[in-house]
Every structure is written in C-alpha cells, then in structure tokens.
Amino acid sequence: MGMLSLGKKTIFKSGTNYSFSKNADPRDIIEDIIDHINSKYATNPFSYVNNTTTIARGTTINIDFDYTDCVDAIKKIVELTDYVFRISGE
C-alpha cells in the first residue's frame, strides 16, 4: 500500500470525535495529522521537516473537520495557507 493510500484511509479525529474544530498554528495542526497517521501504523510511514526558515510560526487558523481523511485534512490547511505539501518516496 502506498503512503498516500495510508493517509486517505486514516480518518483524522480529535479523541473520539470525527467532527471538530482546531484553532491553532497550521504547522501544529499538520504535525497533529501526521502524528495521528503514524499512531495507526507500526512503521511510522510519515515524517515532517521543521523548516523554520521558510514557514514562521505564529499564524493561527480556525478550521473545521467533519469525518475527513488525513490527506484531505492536510489539503484543507494548504488551501488556507501558502504551504506546500509533498509526499516523497511513493
């Protein structure tokens, strides 16, 4: 199974809730999503790079998730920011 497939079949949730809002720095939310995927698979298939030279922390967004798979959750954040999301190794 490819990495993108793992993210598509994993639903992002907060605790036991599939419908919730996050009000936080977009980088923190993306890291939460990646950590959530990794918690489901023993191989920890995803990682992130803390590139503080190109993306400064301190921005806050409010975003709603409603039974959203992890790839689409990251896409929602990318749409609200100037972030770039790439899966390498596919």
Protein backbone atom coordinates (compact mmCIF):
# COMPACT_ATOMS: atom_id res chain seq x y z
CA MET A 1 0.00 0.00 0.00
CA GLY A 2 1.39 3.43 -0.94
CA MET A 3 1.90 6.25 1.52
CA LEU A 4 -0.87 8.34 0.01
CA SER A 5 -3.28 5.42 0.45
CA LEU A 6 -2.41 5.20 4.14
CA GLY A 7 -3.28 8.88 4.61
CA LYS A 8 -6.50 8.53 2.61
CA LYS A 9 -7.75 5.56 4.63
CA THR A 10 -6.96 7.16 8.01
CA ILE A 11 -9.68 9.47 9.32
CA PHE A 12 -8.42 12.45 11.31
CA LYS A 13 -10.10 12.72 14.69
CA SER A 14 -9.73 14.51 17.98
CA GLY A 15 -10.02 11.99 20.79
CA THR A 16 -13.16 10.07 19.84
CA ASN A 17 -14.68 12.93 17.79
CA TYR A 18 -14.71 12.88 14.00
CA SER A 19 -16.31 16.33 13.77
CA PHE A 20 -14.34 19.06 15.50
CA SER A 21 -12.61 22.42 15.07
CA LYS A 22 -8.99 23.33 15.53
CA ASN A 23 -7.81 26.84 16.26
CA ALA A 24 -4.03 26.72 16.11
CA ASP A 25 -0.90 27.32 14.09
CA PRO A 26 -1.26 25.43 10.78
CA ARG A 27 2.11 23.74 11.27
CA ASP A 28 0.94 22.37 14.61
CA ILE A 29 -2.25 21.02 13.02
CA ILE A 30 -0.32 19.34 10.20
CA GLU A 31 2.04 17.79 12.74
CA ASP A 32 -1.02 16.51 14.67
CA ILE A 33 -2.36 14.95 11.47
CA ILE A 34 0.95 13.25 10.66
CA ASP A 35 1.31 12.05 14.24
CA HIS A 36 -2.24 10.66 14.02
CA ILE A 37 -1.39 8.67 10.87
CA ASN A 38 1.78 7.35 12.47
CA SER A 39 -0.14 6.23 15.56
CA LYS A 40 -2.14 3.87 13.34
CA TYR A 41 0.82 2.14 11.68
CA ALA A 42 3.81 0.48 13.37
CA THR A 43 6.18 1.64 10.64
CA ASN A 44 5.56 5.38 11.24
CA PRO A 45 5.29 5.98 7.49
CA PHE A 46 5.17 9.78 7.59
CA SER A 47 7.52 12.42 8.93
CA TYR A 48 7.72 16.18 8.72
CA VAL A 49 10.54 18.67 8.46
CA ASN A 50 10.51 21.63 10.83
CA ASN A 51 11.65 24.19 8.30
CA THR A 52 11.56 27.36 10.38
CA THR A 53 13.43 29.36 7.76
CA THR A 54 10.58 29.23 5.25
CA ILE A 55 7.48 28.91 7.43
CA ALA A 56 7.32 31.06 10.51
CA ARG A 57 5.18 30.00 13.42
CA GLY A 58 2.72 32.39 14.94
CA THR A 59 -0.14 32.28 12.46
CA THR A 60 -3.42 30.92 13.75
CA ILE A 61 -6.20 29.45 11.66
CA ASN A 62 -9.59 28.11 12.62
CA ILE A 63 -10.53 25.03 10.63
CA ASP A 64 -13.39 22.53 10.85
CA PHE A 65 -13.02 18.83 10.21
CA ASP A 66 -16.01 16.56 9.62
CA TYR A 67 -15.06 12.91 9.05
CA THR A 68 -12.07 13.99 6.96
CA ASP A 69 -9.31 11.65 5.87
CA CYS A 70 -5.80 12.79 6.74
CA VAL A 71 -4.75 13.69 3.19
CA ASP A 72 -7.83 15.87 2.70
CA ALA A 73 -7.26 17.42 6.14
CA ILE A 74 -3.77 18.49 5.07
CA LYS A 75 -5.14 19.75 1.73
CA LYS A 76 -7.64 21.93 3.63
CA ILE A 77 -4.77 23.55 5.52
CA VAL A 78 -2.72 24.03 2.35
CA GLU A 79 -5.71 25.83 0.78
CA LEU A 80 -5.83 28.28 3.71
CA THR A 81 -2.08 28.96 3.75
CA ASP A 82 0.84 29.27 1.38
CA TYR A 83 2.17 25.86 2.46
CA VAL A 84 3.34 23.17 0.08
CA PHE A 85 2.65 19.53 0.82
CA ARG A 86 4.63 16.78 -0.84
CA ILE A 87 4.80 13.05 -0.36
CA SER A 88 8.12 11.67 -1.45
CA GLY A 89 9.10 8.05 -1.69
CA GLU A 90 5.89 7.00 -3.44
